[in-house]
Protein backbone atom coordinates (compact mmCIF):
# COMPACT_ATOMS: atom_id res chain seq x y z
CA MET A 1 0.91 -2.85 -23.54
CA ASN A 2 -2.80 -2.21 -22.97
CA ILE A 3 -3.39 -2.26 -19.20
CA GLY A 4 -6.65 -2.10 -17.28
CA PHE A 5 -5.99 -0.22 -14.03
CA ILE A 6 -8.60 -0.06 -11.26
CA GLY A 7 -8.16 2.07 -8.14
CA LEU A 8 -6.61 5.54 -8.45
CA GLY A 9 -6.14 6.60 -4.83
CA ASN A 10 -3.01 7.96 -3.15
CA MET A 11 -1.06 4.91 -4.30
CA GLY A 12 -2.89 3.81 -7.43
CA GLY A 13 -2.96 7.25 -9.05
CA PRO A 14 0.83 7.71 -9.13
CA MET A 15 1.34 4.07 -10.09
CA ALA A 16 -0.95 4.48 -13.09
CA ALA A 17 0.80 7.73 -14.03
CA ASN A 18 4.16 5.97 -14.04
CA LEU A 19 2.83 3.22 -16.30
CA LEU A 20 1.71 5.90 -18.75
CA LYS A 21 5.17 7.49 -18.58
CA ALA A 22 6.66 4.07 -19.33
CA GLY A 23 4.71 4.01 -22.60
CA HIS A 24 1.81 1.74 -21.70
CA SER A 25 -1.79 2.40 -22.73
CA LEU A 26 -4.20 2.52 -19.79
CA THR A 27 -7.95 2.13 -19.40
CA VAL A 28 -8.80 3.16 -15.84
CA PHE A 29 -11.71 2.91 -13.44
CA ASP A 30 -12.32 4.59 -10.09
CA LEU A 31 -15.34 5.86 -8.17
CA SER A 32 -13.80 9.33 -7.90
CA GLU A 33 -14.42 11.60 -10.87
CA THR A 34 -11.54 13.82 -9.76
CA THR A 35 -8.99 11.02 -9.92
CA LEU A 36 -10.40 9.81 -13.23
CA GLN A 37 -9.97 13.24 -14.77
CA ALA A 38 -6.41 13.43 -13.47
CA ALA A 39 -5.68 10.13 -15.20
CA VAL A 40 -7.28 11.38 -18.41
CA GLY A 41 -5.06 14.45 -18.23
CA ALA A 42 -2.05 12.13 -18.06
CA GLY A 43 -3.22 10.21 -21.14
CA ALA A 44 -5.47 7.41 -19.88
CA ARG A 45 -8.90 6.37 -21.11
CA THR A 46 -11.75 5.88 -18.64
CA ALA A 47 -14.15 2.97 -18.19
CA VAL A 48 -17.60 2.94 -16.61
CA SER A 49 -16.97 -0.32 -14.70
CA PRO A 50 -14.22 -2.79 -13.81
CA LEU A 51 -15.69 -5.07 -16.48
CA GLU A 52 -15.12 -2.45 -19.16
CA ALA A 53 -11.63 -1.61 -17.88
CA ALA A 54 -10.67 -5.29 -18.18
CA ARG A 55 -12.39 -6.11 -21.47
CA ASP A 56 -9.56 -5.28 -23.91
CA ALA A 57 -6.66 -5.40 -21.46
CA GLU A 58 -3.52 -7.46 -21.87
CA VAL A 59 -3.00 -7.27 -18.10
CA VAL A 60 -5.25 -5.97 -15.30
CA ILE A 61 -3.91 -4.28 -12.17
CA THR A 62 -6.00 -3.37 -9.12
CA MET A 63 -5.06 -1.16 -6.15
CA LEU A 64 -7.94 -0.99 -3.70
CA PRO A 65 -8.51 -0.09 -0.02
CA ALA A 66 -9.66 -3.38 1.51
CA ALA A 67 -10.68 -7.00 0.89
CA ALA A 68 -14.37 -6.15 0.43
CA HIS A 69 -13.48 -3.81 -2.44
CA VAL A 70 -11.24 -6.43 -4.04
CA ARG A 71 -13.96 -9.09 -3.90
CA ALA A 72 -16.49 -6.69 -5.42
CA VAL A 73 -14.18 -5.49 -8.21
CA TYR A 74 -13.26 -9.02 -9.24
CA LEU A 75 -16.38 -11.05 -8.51
CA ASN A 76 -19.42 -8.77 -9.07
CA LYS A 77 -21.45 -9.10 -12.24
CA ASP A 78 -19.79 -5.94 -13.61
CA GLY A 79 -16.40 -7.00 -12.26
CA VAL A 80 -13.06 -7.91 -13.77
CA LEU A 81 -13.73 -11.64 -14.12
CA ALA A 82 -16.94 -10.95 -16.02
CA GLY A 83 -15.14 -8.93 -18.66
CA VAL A 84 -11.54 -10.11 -18.97
CA ARG A 85 -10.46 -12.42 -21.79
CA PRO A 86 -9.09 -15.87 -20.89
CA GLY A 87 -5.34 -15.96 -20.45
CA VAL A 88 -4.95 -12.32 -19.39
CA PRO A 89 -2.88 -12.01 -16.18
CA LEU A 90 -4.49 -10.30 -13.19
CA VAL A 91 -2.49 -8.47 -10.51
CA ASP A 92 -3.89 -7.22 -7.21
CA SER A 93 -1.60 -4.77 -5.41
CA SER A 94 -4.04 -4.04 -2.58
CA THR A 95 -3.12 -5.01 0.96
CA ILE A 96 -5.65 -7.63 2.05
CA ASP A 97 -5.73 -10.90 3.98
CA PRO A 98 -4.02 -13.92 2.38
CA ALA A 99 -7.25 -15.95 2.40
CA THR A 100 -9.07 -13.44 0.21
CA ALA A 101 -6.10 -13.28 -2.17
CA ARG A 102 -6.23 -17.06 -2.53
CA GLN A 103 -10.01 -16.98 -3.03
CA ILE A 104 -9.73 -14.47 -5.87
CA GLY A 105 -6.83 -16.42 -7.31
CA GLU A 106 -8.86 -19.63 -7.36
CA SER A 107 -11.79 -17.92 -9.09
CA ALA A 108 -9.48 -16.36 -11.67
CA THR A 109 -7.59 -19.57 -12.35
CA ALA A 110 -10.86 -21.46 -12.78
CA GLN A 111 -11.68 -19.35 -15.83
CA GLY A 112 -8.17 -19.37 -17.24
CA ASN A 113 -6.69 -16.14 -15.89
CA PRO A 114 -3.35 -16.28 -14.04
CA PHE A 115 -3.54 -14.29 -10.79
CA ALA A 116 -0.85 -12.69 -8.63
CA ASP A 117 -1.14 -10.88 -5.35
CA ALA A 118 1.51 -8.15 -5.45
CA PRO A 119 1.20 -5.69 -2.56
CA VAL A 120 3.77 -2.91 -2.38
CA SER A 121 6.05 -1.16 0.05
CA GLY A 122 7.46 2.35 -0.32
CA GLY A 123 4.47 4.54 0.47
CA THR A 124 3.20 7.45 -1.57
CA VAL A 125 6.76 8.75 -2.03
CA GLY A 126 7.76 5.46 -3.63
CA ALA A 127 4.59 5.37 -5.73
CA GLN A 128 5.31 8.84 -7.10
CA ALA A 129 8.99 8.15 -7.72
CA GLY A 130 8.41 4.72 -9.25
CA THR A 131 10.61 3.04 -6.64
CA LEU A 132 8.13 0.67 -5.00
CA THR A 133 8.97 -2.83 -3.85
CA PHE A 134 6.51 -5.46 -5.09
CA MET A 135 6.00 -8.58 -2.96
CA VAL A 136 4.61 -11.03 -5.48
CA GLY A 137 2.65 -14.19 -4.80
CA ALA A 138 2.85 -16.04 -8.13
CA ASN A 139 4.50 -19.01 -9.76
CA ALA A 140 7.84 -18.47 -11.47
CA GLY A 141 6.42 -18.24 -14.97
CA LEU A 142 3.82 -15.62 -14.10
CA PHE A 143 6.37 -13.68 -12.08
CA GLU A 144 8.69 -13.41 -15.09
CA THR A 145 5.77 -12.33 -17.29
CA LEU A 146 4.81 -9.55 -14.88
CA LYS A 147 8.28 -8.18 -14.09
CA PRO A 148 8.48 -5.84 -17.12
CA VAL A 149 5.09 -4.31 -16.21
CA LEU A 150 5.89 -3.95 -12.52
CA ALA A 151 9.22 -2.34 -13.45
CA GLY A 152 7.25 0.67 -14.68
CA MET A 153 6.13 1.30 -11.11
CA GLY A 154 8.90 -0.05 -8.91
CA LYS A 155 12.56 -0.88 -8.51
CA ASN A 156 12.33 -4.17 -6.65
CA MET A 157 10.24 -7.22 -7.46
CA VAL A 158 10.43 -10.21 -5.12
CA GLN A 159 8.77 -13.55 -5.77
CA CYS A 160 7.51 -14.64 -2.35
CA GLY A 161 5.94 -17.97 -3.34
CA GLU A 162 2.52 -19.03 -4.52
CA THR A 163 -0.66 -16.94 -4.39
CA GLY A 164 -1.20 -15.35 -0.98
CA THR A 165 2.45 -15.20 0.05
CA GLY A 166 2.79 -11.63 -1.19
CA GLN A 167 0.13 -10.63 1.33
CA ILE A 168 1.89 -12.57 4.08
CA ALA A 169 5.09 -10.63 3.40
CA LYS A 170 3.20 -7.33 3.33
CA ILE A 171 1.31 -7.75 6.59
CA CYS A 172 4.51 -8.82 8.37
CA ASN A 173 6.34 -5.79 6.96
CA ASN A 174 3.58 -3.40 8.00
CA LEU A 175 3.31 -4.99 11.43
CA LEU A 176 6.96 -4.06 11.95
CA LEU A 177 6.48 -0.63 10.36
CA GLY A 178 3.59 0.28 12.66
CA ILE A 179 5.57 -0.79 15.72
CA SER A 180 8.75 1.01 14.64
CA MET A 181 6.92 4.27 13.96
CA ILE A 182 5.53 4.23 17.50
CA GLY A 183 9.03 3.67 18.87
CA VAL A 184 10.45 6.53 16.84
CA ALA A 185 7.61 8.82 17.90
CA GLU A 186 8.27 8.02 21.56
CA ALA A 187 11.99 8.67 21.19
CA MET A 188 11.64 11.88 19.18
CA GLN A 189 9.03 13.37 21.52
CA LEU A 190 11.01 12.36 24.61
CA GLY A 191 14.14 13.98 23.21
CA ALA A 192 12.29 17.20 22.37
CA SER A 193 10.67 17.28 25.83
CA LEU A 194 14.07 16.85 27.47
CA GLY A 195 15.51 19.71 25.45
CA ILE A 196 17.56 18.33 22.56
CA ASP A 197 17.11 19.80 19.08
CA PRO A 198 14.94 17.24 17.18
CA ASN A 199 17.05 17.69 14.05
CA LYS A 200 20.21 16.82 15.97
CA LEU A 201 18.53 13.86 17.63
CA ALA A 202 17.35 12.51 14.27
CA SER A 203 20.84 12.98 12.84
CA ILE A 204 22.35 11.04 15.73
CA ILE A 205 19.83 8.19 15.46
CA ASN A 206 20.43 7.99 11.70
CA THR A 207 24.12 7.23 12.32
CA SER A 208 23.47 4.98 15.30
CA THR A 209 21.82 1.68 16.13
CA GLY A 210 18.29 3.11 16.20
CA ARG A 211 18.30 3.94 12.52
CA CYS A 212 15.26 2.78 10.52
CA TRP A 213 12.90 3.97 7.75
CA SER A 214 10.62 5.63 10.29
CA VAL A 215 13.53 7.90 11.27
CA ASP A 216 15.46 8.54 8.07
CA THR A 217 12.61 8.70 5.53
CA CYS A 218 9.33 9.37 7.37
CA ASN A 219 10.39 11.02 10.61
CA PRO A 220 7.26 11.85 12.64
CA TYR A 221 8.63 15.08 14.12
CA PRO A 222 7.74 18.16 12.02
CA ASN A 223 10.42 19.90 9.95
CA VAL A 224 13.09 17.29 10.53
CA LEU A 225 12.63 16.00 6.98
CA PRO A 226 11.16 18.58 4.58
CA ASN A 227 9.58 15.97 2.30
CA ALA A 228 8.04 13.85 5.05
CA PRO A 229 4.28 14.04 5.72
CA SER A 230 5.05 15.42 9.22
CA SER A 231 6.39 18.58 7.60
CA ARG A 232 3.19 19.22 5.64
CA GLY A 233 0.62 18.71 8.36
CA TYR A 234 0.73 14.91 8.10
CA THR A 235 -1.03 14.99 4.73
CA GLY A 236 -0.36 13.04 1.55
CA GLY A 237 1.09 9.96 3.19
CA PHE A 238 -0.03 6.52 4.39
CA GLY A 239 -3.19 7.11 6.39
CA ALA A 240 -3.35 6.02 10.02
CA ASP A 241 -6.65 4.25 9.35
CA LEU A 242 -4.91 2.20 6.65
CA MET A 243 -2.17 1.28 9.10
CA LEU A 244 -4.88 0.30 11.57
CA LYS A 245 -6.42 -1.91 8.90
CA ASP A 246 -3.08 -3.58 8.14
CA LEU A 247 -2.34 -4.18 11.82
CA GLY A 248 -5.78 -5.76 12.10
CA LEU A 249 -4.91 -8.10 9.22
CA ALA A 250 -1.68 -9.10 10.95
CA VAL A 251 -3.31 -9.64 14.34
CA ASP A 252 -6.14 -11.67 12.80
CA ALA A 253 -3.69 -13.79 10.80
CA ALA A 254 -1.61 -14.38 13.93
CA ARG A 255 -4.71 -15.49 15.81
CA GLN A 256 -5.46 -18.09 13.14
CA VAL A 257 -2.09 -19.77 13.65
CA LYS A 258 -1.94 -19.08 17.43
CA GLN A 259 1.16 -16.92 17.05
CA PRO A 260 1.61 -14.21 19.73
CA VAL A 261 2.07 -10.67 18.40
CA LEU A 262 2.28 -8.74 21.65
CA LEU A 263 3.69 -5.48 20.32
CA GLY A 264 1.50 -5.72 17.23
CA ALA A 265 -1.63 -5.93 19.37
CA LEU A 266 -0.50 -2.90 21.40
CA ALA A 267 0.27 -0.97 18.22
CA GLN A 268 -3.22 -1.81 16.95
CA GLN A 269 -4.73 -0.34 20.13
CA LEU A 270 -2.67 2.86 19.82
CA TYR A 271 -3.70 3.42 16.21
CA GLN A 272 -7.29 2.66 17.20
CA SER A 273 -7.04 5.40 19.82
CA MET A 274 -5.63 7.75 17.20
CA SER A 275 -8.51 6.96 14.86
CA MET A 276 -11.10 7.50 17.59
CA GLN A 277 -9.64 10.97 18.16
CA GLY A 278 -10.44 11.85 14.55
CA LEU A 279 -6.86 11.59 13.34
CA GLY A 280 -7.26 8.51 11.15
CA GLY A 281 -7.04 10.46 7.91
CA LEU A 282 -3.59 11.80 8.76
CA ASP A 283 -0.36 10.04 7.89
CA PHE A 284 0.37 7.24 10.34
CA SER A 285 3.43 9.13 11.60
CA ALA A 286 0.96 11.49 13.31
CA ILE A 287 0.91 8.83 16.05
CA ILE A 288 3.39 11.21 17.70
CA LYS A 289 0.41 13.41 18.57
CA LEU A 290 -0.53 10.86 21.24
CA TYR A 291 2.68 11.72 23.07
CA SER A 292 2.22 15.48 23.37
CA ASN A 293 -0.38 17.83 24.79
CA GLU A 294 0.50 20.21 21.99
CA ASP A 295 0.23 19.73 18.27
CA ALA A 296 3.37 17.86 17.25
């Protein structure tokens, strides 16, 4: 299948690479020449605009940092909707607010293009391994159409409901993820300060009631998990500033429906503090640095 893929960052780059490995033909666009050349090396063609990337595509996939980028890529005069043929499905895997997802969906549907919001969970490790979970906001027919394409990038595809519900699922998941990582950081740093071997503590938690993804897959304490960002200087993971953005989406959405998110609001403040200290580019597990006077 000929796919237009827009957004080749830490998540989008590996996702595009896996689509190429699955035998699809890709035309890609990104503002970074470095990421474009990496995609070319993997077998993709480049486009000079989102419009050009979408022009001959049978499906268009976008993976972008924030809602403003999504609106620009789809709605600008050189955007996806200006170039895509009627009937071609559009998939946005960015994490944005549900209202923007619905706005883009309405604009796409108005010109005859089915639209799905399909944010992902699994982080950069899942993107590289092709094991992502896709939370898809789409009707049943569109969901079935997209499943074979999404299967080239992930292992789990869940239909959440109509357009916008994928984003609802994602912001709730990341709200919990941000909170749980803070809890794990507190526990791991407390244990180390009290004198237990962090590796033994992690092993105990992983066979006890405190077990969660933030412990067994992305432990924030260095050298507990060799493949975790914490063991490579907190690089190459899910940036703290991106977690801050996602927590902001959750808190804003909660405010709209007058739903208290007490721990979510506190987590947002802690990641804001981390960002203000210049640590926002590190993996979000580097939140543990707030709990130690030394480099974690």
